Structures are given as C-alpha cells and as structure tokens.
Amino acid sequence: MTQSIQEQINADAQRKVNTNADRSESSSLAEGWQYYNFGILHLCLVMVIFAGSARQENFIHL
C-alpha cells in the first residue's frame, strides 16, 4: 500500500516537471515569434516610408 502511494507521488512529480519543461519551451517559442513579427512590422514600415519619400522626391528612376 505505501509503495503504491510513493509511486503515485513520484509519477505526479515527474508529470509536473514535464509540463513545466513544455511550458518554458513554448513560451520561448512564443517570444521568438513576437520578435519575428516585430521585425516584419518594422520592415513594412520602412518600405512604406521609403516608397512615400521616393514618390515625392523621385529619387528612384525606373
């Protein structure tokens, strides 16, 4: 009886460790996507500003 209780406690502890590891991995992945989206947003912003200034001053000659 006491051995099965100990096994149950060990299994619960192992499950808790596994879920914590999964959670930290997914949060770092989410932070990576956040930086990736931030970079794309800046790239689009720079392109829009560059296109607007190029249209006004005509320094792109196609």
N, C-alpha and C. Protein backbone atom coordinates (compact mmCIF):
# COMPACT_ATOMS: atom_id res chain seq x y z
N MET A 1 0.84 -1.21 0.00
CA MET A 1 0.00 0.00 0.00
C MET A 1 0.88 1.26 0.00
N THR A 2 1.83 1.31 0.90
CA THR A 2 2.67 2.51 0.96
C THR A 2 3.53 2.66 -0.29
N GLN A 3 3.92 1.54 -0.89
CA GLN A 3 4.76 1.63 -2.09
C GLN A 3 3.95 2.21 -3.26
N SER A 4 2.69 1.84 -3.39
CA SER A 4 1.89 2.38 -4.49
C SER A 4 1.65 3.88 -4.29
N ILE A 5 1.50 4.32 -3.05
CA ILE A 5 1.34 5.75 -2.78
C ILE A 5 2.62 6.49 -3.18
N GLN A 6 3.77 5.91 -2.84
CA GLN A 6 5.05 6.54 -3.20
C GLN A 6 5.20 6.60 -4.72
N GLU A 7 4.81 5.54 -5.42
CA GLU A 7 4.89 5.55 -6.88
C GLU A 7 3.97 6.62 -7.46
N GLN A 8 2.79 6.77 -6.87
CA GLN A 8 1.85 7.80 -7.33
C GLN A 8 2.46 9.19 -7.17
N ILE A 9 3.09 9.43 -6.03
CA ILE A 9 3.72 10.73 -5.77
C ILE A 9 4.84 10.97 -6.77
N ASN A 10 5.65 9.95 -7.03
CA ASN A 10 6.74 10.10 -7.99
C ASN A 10 6.21 10.39 -9.39
N ALA A 11 5.14 9.69 -9.78
CA ALA A 11 4.56 9.91 -11.11
C ALA A 11 4.01 11.33 -11.22
N ASP A 12 3.37 11.81 -10.16
CA ASP A 12 2.84 13.18 -10.17
C ASP A 12 3.98 14.20 -10.28
N ALA A 13 5.06 13.96 -9.54
CA ALA A 13 6.19 14.89 -9.59
C ALA A 13 6.81 14.90 -10.98
N GLN A 14 6.94 13.72 -11.58
CA GLN A 14 7.52 13.64 -12.93
C GLN A 14 6.63 14.36 -13.94
N ARG A 15 5.32 14.19 -13.79
CA ARG A 15 4.39 14.84 -14.71
C ARG A 15 4.50 16.36 -14.58
N LYS A 16 4.65 16.84 -13.34
CA LYS A 16 4.76 18.28 -13.10
C LYS A 16 6.03 18.83 -13.74
N VAL A 17 7.13 18.09 -13.62
CA VAL A 17 8.40 18.51 -14.23
C VAL A 17 8.25 18.57 -15.75
N ASN A 18 7.59 17.57 -16.33
CA ASN A 18 7.42 17.54 -17.79
C ASN A 18 6.58 18.72 -18.27
N THR A 19 5.49 19.02 -17.58
CA THR A 19 4.65 20.12 -18.04
C THR A 19 5.38 21.45 -17.89
N ASN A 20 6.19 21.61 -16.84
CA ASN A 20 6.95 22.85 -16.69
C ASN A 20 7.96 23.01 -17.81
N ALA A 21 8.62 21.91 -18.21
CA ALA A 21 9.58 21.98 -19.30
C ALA A 21 8.87 22.36 -20.60
N ASP A 22 7.71 21.76 -20.85
CA ASP A 22 6.96 22.08 -22.07
C ASP A 22 6.54 23.55 -22.06
N ARG A 23 6.12 24.03 -20.90
CA ARG A 23 5.64 25.40 -20.83
C ARG A 23 6.78 26.39 -21.10
N SER A 24 7.96 26.14 -20.55
CA SER A 24 9.07 27.07 -20.78
C SER A 24 9.49 27.04 -22.24
N GLU A 25 9.46 25.86 -22.86
CA GLU A 25 9.85 25.77 -24.27
C GLU A 25 8.86 26.52 -25.15
N SER A 26 7.56 26.36 -24.89
CA SER A 26 6.56 27.04 -25.72
C SER A 26 6.61 28.55 -25.50
N SER A 27 6.93 29.00 -24.28
CA SER A 27 6.98 30.45 -24.05
C SER A 27 8.17 31.06 -24.78
N SER A 28 9.30 30.35 -24.83
CA SER A 28 10.45 30.89 -25.57
C SER A 28 10.14 30.92 -27.06
N LEU A 29 9.40 29.93 -27.54
CA LEU A 29 9.00 29.92 -28.95
C LEU A 29 8.06 31.09 -29.24
N ALA A 30 7.14 31.36 -28.31
CA ALA A 30 6.22 32.48 -28.50
C ALA A 30 6.98 33.81 -28.51
N GLU A 31 8.01 33.93 -27.66
CA GLU A 31 8.80 35.16 -27.68
C GLU A 31 9.53 35.31 -29.00
N GLY A 32 10.01 34.20 -29.55
CA GLY A 32 10.67 34.26 -30.85
C GLY A 32 9.73 34.74 -31.94
N TRP A 33 8.50 34.23 -31.95
CA TRP A 33 7.51 34.69 -32.94
C TRP A 33 7.20 36.16 -32.74
N GLN A 34 7.19 36.61 -31.48
CA GLN A 34 6.91 38.03 -31.21
C GLN A 34 7.99 38.91 -31.82
N TYR A 35 9.26 38.52 -31.65
CA TYR A 35 10.34 39.30 -32.24
C TYR A 35 10.30 39.23 -33.76
N TYR A 36 9.94 38.06 -34.29
CA TYR A 36 9.86 37.89 -35.75
C TYR A 36 8.79 38.81 -36.33
N ASN A 37 7.62 38.84 -35.70
CA ASN A 37 6.54 39.71 -36.18
C ASN A 37 6.93 41.18 -36.03
N PHE A 38 7.64 41.51 -34.97
CA PHE A 38 8.10 42.88 -34.75
C PHE A 38 9.05 43.30 -35.86
N GLY A 39 9.95 42.39 -36.27
CA GLY A 39 10.88 42.68 -37.35
C GLY A 39 10.17 42.89 -38.67
N ILE A 40 9.16 42.05 -38.96
CA ILE A 40 8.41 42.19 -40.21
C ILE A 40 7.64 43.51 -40.21
N LEU A 41 7.09 43.88 -39.06
CA LEU A 41 6.36 45.15 -38.95
C LEU A 41 7.29 46.32 -39.25
N HIS A 42 8.49 46.29 -38.69
CA HIS A 42 9.45 47.36 -38.96
C HIS A 42 9.86 47.39 -40.42
N LEU A 43 10.06 46.21 -41.01
CA LEU A 43 10.44 46.16 -42.42
C LEU A 43 9.36 46.79 -43.29
N CYS A 44 8.10 46.45 -43.02
CA CYS A 44 6.98 47.03 -43.80
C CYS A 44 6.92 48.54 -43.59
N LEU A 45 7.13 48.98 -42.36
CA LEU A 45 7.09 50.41 -42.07
C LEU A 45 8.18 51.16 -42.83
N VAL A 46 9.39 50.61 -42.85
CA VAL A 46 10.50 51.24 -43.58
C VAL A 46 10.20 51.26 -45.07
N MET A 47 9.63 50.17 -45.61
CA MET A 47 9.31 50.13 -47.04
C MET A 47 8.26 51.18 -47.39
N VAL A 48 7.24 51.33 -46.54
CA VAL A 48 6.19 52.32 -46.81
C VAL A 48 6.77 53.74 -46.77
N ILE A 49 7.60 54.02 -45.78
CA ILE A 49 8.21 55.35 -45.67
C ILE A 49 9.11 55.61 -46.88
N PHE A 50 9.90 54.61 -47.26
CA PHE A 50 10.82 54.76 -48.39
C PHE A 50 10.05 54.97 -49.69
N ALA A 51 8.96 54.21 -49.87
CA ALA A 51 8.16 54.36 -51.10
C ALA A 51 7.50 55.73 -51.14
N GLY A 52 7.01 56.21 -50.00
CA GLY A 52 6.38 57.52 -49.96
C GLY A 52 7.36 58.64 -50.27
N SER A 53 8.55 58.58 -49.68
CA SER A 53 9.53 59.63 -49.94
C SER A 53 10.07 59.51 -51.36
N ALA A 54 10.16 58.31 -51.90
CA ALA A 54 10.64 58.15 -53.27
C ALA A 54 9.62 58.72 -54.25
N ARG A 55 8.34 58.54 -53.97
CA ARG A 55 7.32 59.08 -54.86
C ARG A 55 7.34 60.60 -54.84
N GLN A 56 7.61 61.19 -53.68
CA GLN A 56 7.61 62.65 -53.58
C GLN A 56 8.84 63.26 -54.26
N GLU A 57 10.00 62.68 -54.03
CA GLU A 57 11.23 63.33 -54.49
C GLU A 57 11.81 62.70 -55.75
N ASN A 58 11.21 61.60 -56.21
CA ASN A 58 11.63 60.95 -57.46
C ASN A 58 13.11 60.57 -57.47
N PHE A 59 13.60 59.96 -56.39
CA PHE A 59 14.98 59.50 -56.48
C PHE A 59 15.08 58.02 -56.78
N ILE A 60 13.96 57.39 -57.19
CA ILE A 60 14.05 56.06 -57.82
C ILE A 60 13.64 56.26 -59.26
N HIS A 61 14.56 56.05 -60.17
CA HIS A 61 14.25 56.19 -61.60
C HIS A 61 14.15 54.80 -62.20
N LEU A 62 12.93 54.39 -62.51
CA LEU A 62 12.73 53.05 -63.09
C LEU A 62 12.78 53.14 -64.60
